[in-house]
N, C-alpha and C. Protein backbone atom coordinates (compact mmCIF):
# COMPACT_ATOMS: atom_id res chain seq x y z
N MET A 1 0.44 -0.84 -0.02
CA MET A 1 -0.07 -0.02 0.01
C MET A 1 0.74 1.24 0.29
N ILE A 2 1.67 1.44 0.66
CA ILE A 2 2.71 2.69 1.46
C ILE A 2 3.41 2.50 -0.43
N HIS A 3 3.81 1.64 -0.92
CA HIS A 3 4.97 1.69 -2.03
C HIS A 3 4.04 2.19 -3.00
N ARG A 4 2.87 1.75 -3.40
CA ARG A 4 1.63 2.09 -4.40
C ARG A 4 1.36 3.85 -4.30
N LEU A 5 1.29 4.50 -2.96
CA LEU A 5 1.16 5.66 -2.31
C LEU A 5 2.36 6.40 -2.88
N ALA A 6 3.41 5.81 -2.63
CA ALA A 6 5.01 6.41 -3.10
C ALA A 6 5.19 6.76 -4.28
N LEU A 7 4.50 5.62 -5.25
CA LEU A 7 4.67 5.71 -6.61
C LEU A 7 3.79 6.66 -7.15
N ALA A 8 2.51 6.67 -6.49
CA ALA A 8 1.50 7.75 -7.34
C ALA A 8 2.02 9.05 -7.08
N VAL A 9 2.57 9.48 -5.80
CA VAL A 9 3.22 10.80 -5.18
C VAL A 9 4.07 11.09 -6.38
N LEU A 10 5.13 10.15 -6.44
CA LEU A 10 6.23 10.19 -7.37
C LEU A 10 5.78 11.00 -8.88
N ALA A 11 4.92 10.04 -9.33
CA ALA A 11 3.99 10.64 -10.57
C ALA A 11 2.95 11.73 -10.56
N LEU A 12 2.59 12.17 -9.35
CA LEU A 12 1.92 13.47 -9.46
C LEU A 12 2.80 14.52 -10.13
N PRO A 13 3.92 15.07 -10.05
CA PRO A 13 4.49 16.33 -10.37
C PRO A 13 4.30 16.05 -11.93
N PHE A 14 4.39 14.76 -12.46
CA PHE A 14 4.07 15.01 -14.02
C PHE A 14 2.98 15.28 -14.59
N PHE A 15 2.12 14.82 -13.81
CA PHE A 15 0.42 15.42 -14.23
C PHE A 15 0.05 16.66 -14.19
N ALA A 16 0.81 17.36 -12.76
CA ALA A 16 0.34 18.76 -12.66
C ALA A 16 0.40 19.94 -13.93
N PRO A 17 1.56 19.76 -14.83
CA PRO A 17 1.33 20.49 -16.20
C PRO A 17 0.56 20.04 -17.19
N LEU A 18 0.12 18.50 -16.99
CA LEU A 18 -1.06 18.50 -17.84
C LEU A 18 -2.69 18.99 -17.41
N ALA A 19 -2.90 18.75 -16.07
CA ALA A 19 -4.05 19.41 -15.63
C ALA A 19 -4.46 20.57 -16.07
N SER A 20 -3.18 21.48 -16.01
CA SER A 20 -3.70 23.01 -16.27
C SER A 20 -3.51 23.12 -17.80
N ALA A 21 -3.07 22.37 -18.31
CA ALA A 21 -2.93 22.76 -19.73
C ALA A 21 -4.32 22.53 -20.55
N GLN A 22 -4.69 23.35 -21.76
CA GLN A 22 -5.85 23.24 -22.35
C GLN A 22 -5.61 22.43 -23.65
N SER A 23 -5.25 20.98 -23.49
CA SER A 23 -5.15 20.19 -24.50
C SER A 23 -5.99 19.06 -24.51
N ASP A 24 -5.43 17.85 -25.22
CA ASP A 24 -6.25 16.65 -25.54
C ASP A 24 -6.31 15.97 -24.10
N PRO A 25 -7.42 15.18 -23.96
CA PRO A 25 -7.32 14.27 -22.97
C PRO A 25 -6.29 13.72 -22.92
N PHE A 26 -5.79 13.37 -21.46
CA PHE A 26 -4.10 12.57 -21.03
C PHE A 26 -4.70 10.78 -21.67
N THR A 27 -3.66 10.57 -22.25
CA THR A 27 -3.80 9.22 -22.84
C THR A 27 -3.36 8.17 -22.13
N THR A 28 -3.68 6.96 -22.29
CA THR A 28 -3.25 6.01 -21.57
C THR A 28 -1.71 5.53 -21.90
N GLN A 29 -1.28 6.04 -23.36
CA GLN A 29 0.07 5.56 -23.72
C GLN A 29 1.06 6.62 -23.04
N ALA A 30 0.41 8.07 -22.74
CA ALA A 30 0.96 8.90 -21.94
C ALA A 30 1.41 8.83 -20.66
N ALA A 31 0.30 7.98 -20.21
CA ALA A 31 0.53 7.63 -18.91
C ALA A 31 1.57 6.72 -18.52
N ALA A 32 1.29 5.94 -19.63
CA ALA A 32 2.82 4.45 -19.33
C ALA A 32 4.12 5.34 -19.79
N ARG A 33 4.32 6.03 -20.41
CA ARG A 33 5.51 7.00 -20.70
C ARG A 33 6.12 7.51 -19.48
N LEU A 34 5.17 8.26 -18.87
CA LEU A 34 5.38 8.89 -17.47
C LEU A 34 6.14 7.91 -16.62
N ALA A 35 5.20 6.65 -16.19
CA ALA A 35 5.62 5.96 -15.30
C ALA A 35 6.67 5.00 -15.84
N HIS A 36 6.94 4.66 -17.09
CA HIS A 36 8.27 3.65 -17.14
C HIS A 36 9.44 5.16 -17.02
N GLY A 37 9.21 6.29 -17.05
CA GLY A 37 10.02 7.28 -16.85
C GLY A 37 10.54 7.52 -15.32
N THR A 38 9.65 7.39 -14.67
CA THR A 38 9.97 7.40 -13.24
C THR A 38 10.19 6.05 -12.38
N PHE A 39 10.35 4.99 -13.36
CA PHE A 39 10.29 3.49 -12.36
C PHE A 39 11.94 3.59 -11.50
N ARG A 40 13.06 4.17 -12.54
CA ARG A 40 14.30 3.95 -11.31
C ARG A 40 14.12 4.67 -10.57
N GLU A 41 13.80 6.04 -10.48
CA GLU A 41 13.53 6.92 -9.38
C GLU A 41 12.88 6.56 -8.31
N TYR A 42 11.69 5.50 -8.55
CA TYR A 42 10.70 4.71 -7.73
C TYR A 42 11.60 3.86 -6.93
N LEU A 43 12.28 3.39 -7.72
CA LEU A 43 13.36 2.01 -7.13
C LEU A 43 14.38 2.74 -6.07
N GLU A 44 14.54 3.74 -6.66
CA GLU A 44 15.61 4.82 -5.81
C GLU A 44 15.08 5.07 -4.30
N LEU A 45 13.73 5.62 -4.41
CA LEU A 45 13.26 6.01 -3.36
C LEU A 45 12.97 4.86 -2.42
N LEU A 46 12.36 3.65 -2.96
CA LEU A 46 12.48 2.43 -1.93
C LEU A 46 13.77 1.76 -1.53
N SER A 47 14.69 2.26 -2.05
CA SER A 47 16.02 1.78 -1.18
C SER A 47 16.31 2.54 -0.42
N LEU A 48 16.02 3.76 -0.30
CA LEU A 48 16.55 4.32 1.11
C LEU A 48 16.03 3.70 2.18
N PRO A 49 16.77 3.77 3.55
CA PRO A 49 16.57 3.34 4.45
C PRO A 49 15.30 4.16 5.15
N ASN A 50 14.18 3.86 5.87
CA ASN A 50 13.27 4.69 6.39
C ASN A 50 12.73 4.27 7.55
N ASP A 51 13.58 3.90 8.54
CA ASP A 51 13.34 3.14 9.88
C ASP A 51 12.71 4.61 10.64
N SER A 52 11.14 4.72 11.31
CA SER A 52 11.02 5.51 11.91
C SER A 52 11.44 5.97 13.17
N VAL A 53 12.02 5.24 13.49
CA VAL A 53 12.88 5.84 14.93
C VAL A 53 14.32 5.76 14.74
N VAL A 54 14.52 6.28 13.51
CA VAL A 54 16.14 6.77 13.12
C VAL A 54 15.75 7.94 12.54
N PRO A 55 16.09 9.03 12.96
CA PRO A 55 15.97 10.71 12.55
C PRO A 55 16.53 10.94 11.31
N ALA A 56 17.81 10.20 11.28
CA ALA A 56 18.87 10.07 10.05
C ALA A 56 17.92 9.59 8.64
N ASP A 57 17.51 8.79 8.79
CA ASP A 57 16.49 7.95 7.94
C ASP A 57 15.40 8.96 7.27
N ILE A 58 14.94 9.36 7.99
CA ILE A 58 13.78 10.73 7.82
C ILE A 58 14.26 11.57 7.00
N LEU A 59 15.41 11.86 7.37
CA LEU A 59 15.89 13.22 7.14
C LEU A 59 16.21 12.77 5.55
N LYS A 60 16.81 11.59 5.29
CA LYS A 60 17.44 11.06 3.63
C LYS A 60 16.44 11.49 3.10
N ASN A 61 15.14 10.59 3.64
CA ASN A 61 13.97 10.52 2.68
C ASN A 61 13.29 11.76 2.35
N VAL A 62 13.36 12.89 3.30
CA VAL A 62 12.90 13.90 3.02
C VAL A 62 13.69 14.95 2.08
N ASP A 63 14.94 14.61 2.22
CA ASP A 63 15.78 15.07 1.15
C ASP A 63 16.00 15.00 0.10
N TRP A 64 15.51 13.59 -0.24
CA TRP A 64 15.14 13.21 -1.70
C TRP A 64 14.08 13.32 -2.22
N LEU A 65 13.10 13.37 -1.69
CA LEU A 65 11.45 13.81 -1.97
C LEU A 65 12.02 15.52 -2.38
N GLU A 66 12.36 16.00 -1.23
CA GLU A 66 12.63 17.58 -2.06
C GLU A 66 13.13 17.54 -3.27
N ARG A 67 14.32 17.16 -3.58
CA ARG A 67 14.95 17.35 -4.51
C ARG A 67 14.11 16.61 -5.79
N ALA A 68 13.22 15.77 -5.50
CA ALA A 68 12.27 15.04 -7.16
C ALA A 68 11.20 16.07 -7.17
N PHE A 69 10.53 16.63 -5.84
CA PHE A 69 9.71 17.53 -6.33
C PHE A 69 10.22 18.88 -6.94
N ARG A 70 11.33 19.32 -6.30
CA ARG A 70 11.46 20.38 -7.10
C ARG A 70 12.13 20.58 -8.17
N LYS A 71 12.81 18.90 -8.75
CA LYS A 71 13.10 19.25 -10.12
C LYS A 71 12.07 18.94 -10.99
N ARG A 72 10.62 18.85 -10.84
CA ARG A 72 9.22 18.92 -11.66
C ARG A 72 8.65 20.34 -11.60
N GLY A 73 9.46 20.95 -10.48
CA GLY A 73 8.92 22.81 -10.44
C GLY A 73 8.07 22.86 -9.31
N PHE A 74 7.77 22.27 -8.40
CA PHE A 74 7.24 22.25 -7.49
C PHE A 74 7.91 22.97 -6.45
N THR A 75 7.44 24.23 -5.33
CA THR A 75 8.24 24.93 -4.47
C THR A 75 7.81 23.91 -3.10
N THR A 76 8.91 23.62 -2.38
CA THR A 76 9.19 22.94 -1.06
C THR A 76 9.40 23.65 0.09
N LYS A 77 8.93 23.16 1.42
CA LYS A 77 9.56 23.70 2.50
C LYS A 77 9.47 22.26 3.65
N GLN A 78 10.50 22.32 3.78
CA GLN A 78 10.83 21.46 4.89
C GLN A 78 10.17 21.62 6.42
N LEU A 79 9.37 21.12 7.11
CA LEU A 79 8.80 21.43 8.17
C LEU A 79 9.34 20.87 9.47
N SER A 80 9.76 21.55 10.50
CA SER A 80 10.28 21.18 11.74
C SER A 80 9.39 20.03 12.25
N ASN A 81 9.86 18.94 13.12
CA ASN A 81 9.11 18.04 13.61
C ASN A 81 10.04 17.10 14.45
N GLN A 82 10.61 17.99 15.57
CA GLN A 82 11.13 17.17 16.45
C GLN A 82 12.49 15.95 15.93
N GLY A 83 12.94 16.70 15.22
CA GLY A 83 14.58 16.27 14.54
C GLY A 83 13.91 15.13 13.31
N LYS A 84 12.76 14.60 13.20
CA LYS A 84 11.90 13.98 11.68
C LYS A 84 11.12 15.01 10.93
N PRO A 85 11.72 16.12 9.95
CA PRO A 85 10.96 16.76 9.57
C PRO A 85 10.09 16.00 8.43
N MET A 86 9.04 17.09 8.09
CA MET A 86 8.01 16.82 7.06
C MET A 86 8.27 17.76 6.09
N LEU A 87 7.74 17.32 4.85
CA LEU A 87 7.48 17.87 3.70
C LEU A 87 6.57 18.43 3.12
N TYR A 88 6.30 19.66 2.82
CA TYR A 88 5.07 20.04 1.98
C TYR A 88 5.75 20.84 0.70
N ALA A 89 5.14 20.52 -0.42
CA ALA A 89 5.40 20.64 -1.58
C ALA A 89 4.04 21.05 -2.08
N GLU A 90 4.23 22.23 -2.98
CA GLU A 90 3.13 23.02 -3.78
C GLU A 90 3.25 23.27 -5.46
N TRP A 91 2.41 22.77 -6.12
CA TRP A 91 2.48 23.16 -7.26
C TRP A 91 2.09 25.32 -7.64
N PRO A 92 3.07 25.50 -8.16
CA PRO A 92 3.15 26.98 -8.11
C PRO A 92 1.87 27.43 -9.20
N ALA A 93 1.86 26.78 -10.36
CA ALA A 93 0.76 27.39 -11.24
C ALA A 93 -0.35 27.12 -11.01
N LYS A 94 -1.25 28.05 -10.56
CA LYS A 94 -2.73 27.73 -10.00
C LYS A 94 -3.67 28.63 -11.15
N ALA A 95 -4.46 27.82 -11.53
CA ALA A 95 -5.66 28.16 -12.40
C ALA A 95 -6.46 28.91 -12.03
N PRO A 96 -6.81 30.05 -12.40
CA PRO A 96 -8.33 31.02 -11.60
C PRO A 96 -9.32 29.88 -11.58
N GLY A 97 -9.70 29.76 -10.16
CA GLY A 97 -10.98 28.93 -9.80
C GLY A 97 -10.66 27.59 -9.33
N ALA A 98 -9.15 27.33 -9.78
CA ALA A 98 -9.16 25.72 -9.38
C ALA A 98 -9.26 25.12 -7.83
N LYS A 99 -9.26 24.22 -7.66
CA LYS A 99 -9.50 23.48 -6.63
C LYS A 99 -8.23 23.27 -6.13
N THR A 100 -8.52 22.98 -4.81
CA THR A 100 -7.09 22.70 -3.98
C THR A 100 -6.91 20.84 -3.74
N MET A 101 -6.03 20.26 -4.29
CA MET A 101 -6.03 18.77 -3.94
C MET A 101 -4.65 18.86 -2.85
N LEU A 102 -5.03 17.65 -1.67
CA LEU A 102 -4.00 17.77 -0.93
C LEU A 102 -4.03 16.07 -0.74
N PHE A 103 -2.31 15.83 -0.60
CA PHE A 103 -2.13 14.34 -1.03
C PHE A 103 -1.13 14.19 0.49
N TYR A 104 -1.77 13.23 1.34
CA TYR A 104 -0.86 13.05 2.34
C TYR A 104 0.23 11.61 2.11
N MET A 105 1.10 11.48 2.70
CA MET A 105 1.96 10.25 2.16
C MET A 105 2.73 10.38 3.68
N HIS A 106 3.19 8.86 3.96
CA HIS A 106 3.89 8.35 4.67
C HIS A 106 5.35 7.99 4.16
N LEU A 107 6.85 8.92 4.75
CA LEU A 107 8.19 8.24 3.98
C LEU A 107 8.39 7.35 5.10
N ASP A 108 7.66 6.82 6.19
CA ASP A 108 8.49 6.30 7.43
C ASP A 108 8.07 4.78 7.36
N GLY A 109 8.84 3.89 7.86
CA GLY A 109 8.34 2.62 7.93
C GLY A 109 9.00 1.96 9.18
N MET A 110 8.54 0.62 9.31
CA MET A 110 9.10 -0.18 10.12
C MET A 110 9.54 -1.27 9.95
N PRO A 111 11.05 -1.40 10.20
CA PRO A 111 11.76 -2.75 9.89
C PRO A 111 10.86 -4.29 9.90
N VAL A 112 11.22 -4.96 9.12
CA VAL A 112 10.23 -6.27 8.93
C VAL A 112 10.87 -7.23 9.68
N VAL A 113 12.49 -7.18 9.57
CA VAL A 113 12.99 -8.16 10.59
C VAL A 113 13.64 -7.28 11.63
N ARG A 114 13.26 -8.12 12.75
CA ARG A 114 14.52 -7.10 14.18
C ARG A 114 15.64 -7.14 13.84
N PRO A 115 16.73 -6.49 14.41
CA PRO A 115 18.00 -6.55 14.27
C PRO A 115 18.50 -7.68 14.91
N SER A 116 17.62 -8.75 15.76
CA SER A 116 17.98 -9.66 16.47
C SER A 116 17.78 -10.95 15.34
N GLY A 117 16.98 -10.54 14.40
CA GLY A 117 16.75 -11.70 13.29
C GLY A 117 15.42 -12.06 13.79
N ARG A 118 14.92 -11.87 14.97
CA ARG A 118 13.58 -12.50 15.16
C ARG A 118 12.53 -11.66 14.10
N ARG A 119 11.66 -12.69 13.48
CA ARG A 119 10.63 -11.45 12.90
C ARG A 119 9.64 -11.32 13.45
N LYS A 120 8.83 -10.24 13.18
CA LYS A 120 7.88 -9.61 13.84
C LYS A 120 6.40 -10.76 13.70
N VAL A 121 5.60 -10.43 14.61
CA VAL A 121 4.74 -11.45 14.44
C VAL A 121 3.37 -10.49 13.72
N ARG A 122 2.82 -10.67 12.91
CA ARG A 122 1.36 -10.04 12.43
C ARG A 122 0.53 -10.03 13.35
N GLY A 123 0.32 -8.54 13.76
CA GLY A 123 -0.82 -8.23 14.67
C GLY A 123 -0.61 -8.19 15.76
N SER A 124 1.22 -8.37 16.09
CA SER A 124 1.71 -7.80 17.22
C SER A 124 2.60 -6.47 17.42
N ARG A 125 2.45 -5.91 18.30
CA ARG A 125 3.42 -4.54 18.35
C ARG A 125 4.87 -5.12 18.91
N TRP A 126 4.98 -6.10 19.18
CA TRP A 126 6.59 -6.73 19.58
C TRP A 126 6.91 -7.58 18.68
């Protein structure tokens, strides 16, 4: 679920210019080209450590996402959060009367295998 959401958010910056353009409807072929073009970036994002209790992991993810959004024309701002910043990104080109769309995504995770090698039991906090 989180991986699909991350892919959707990573692809969003490509769709923003198309949403404001007065052109033909967005085609399946165009969507496929955009998805193919971002797949390597998606794998790079997934390869980043993202342990929720390690502030350095969270900072690496926020920095990476900030670069990805800025590369696509978004304005960004890191919001302090007790050593684990959050990222706000906004598409600057607003059409008159356009509605606001807000996406929320988690960029942190929980390790599947504990450092001791013991696997987490499904449904258990420990």
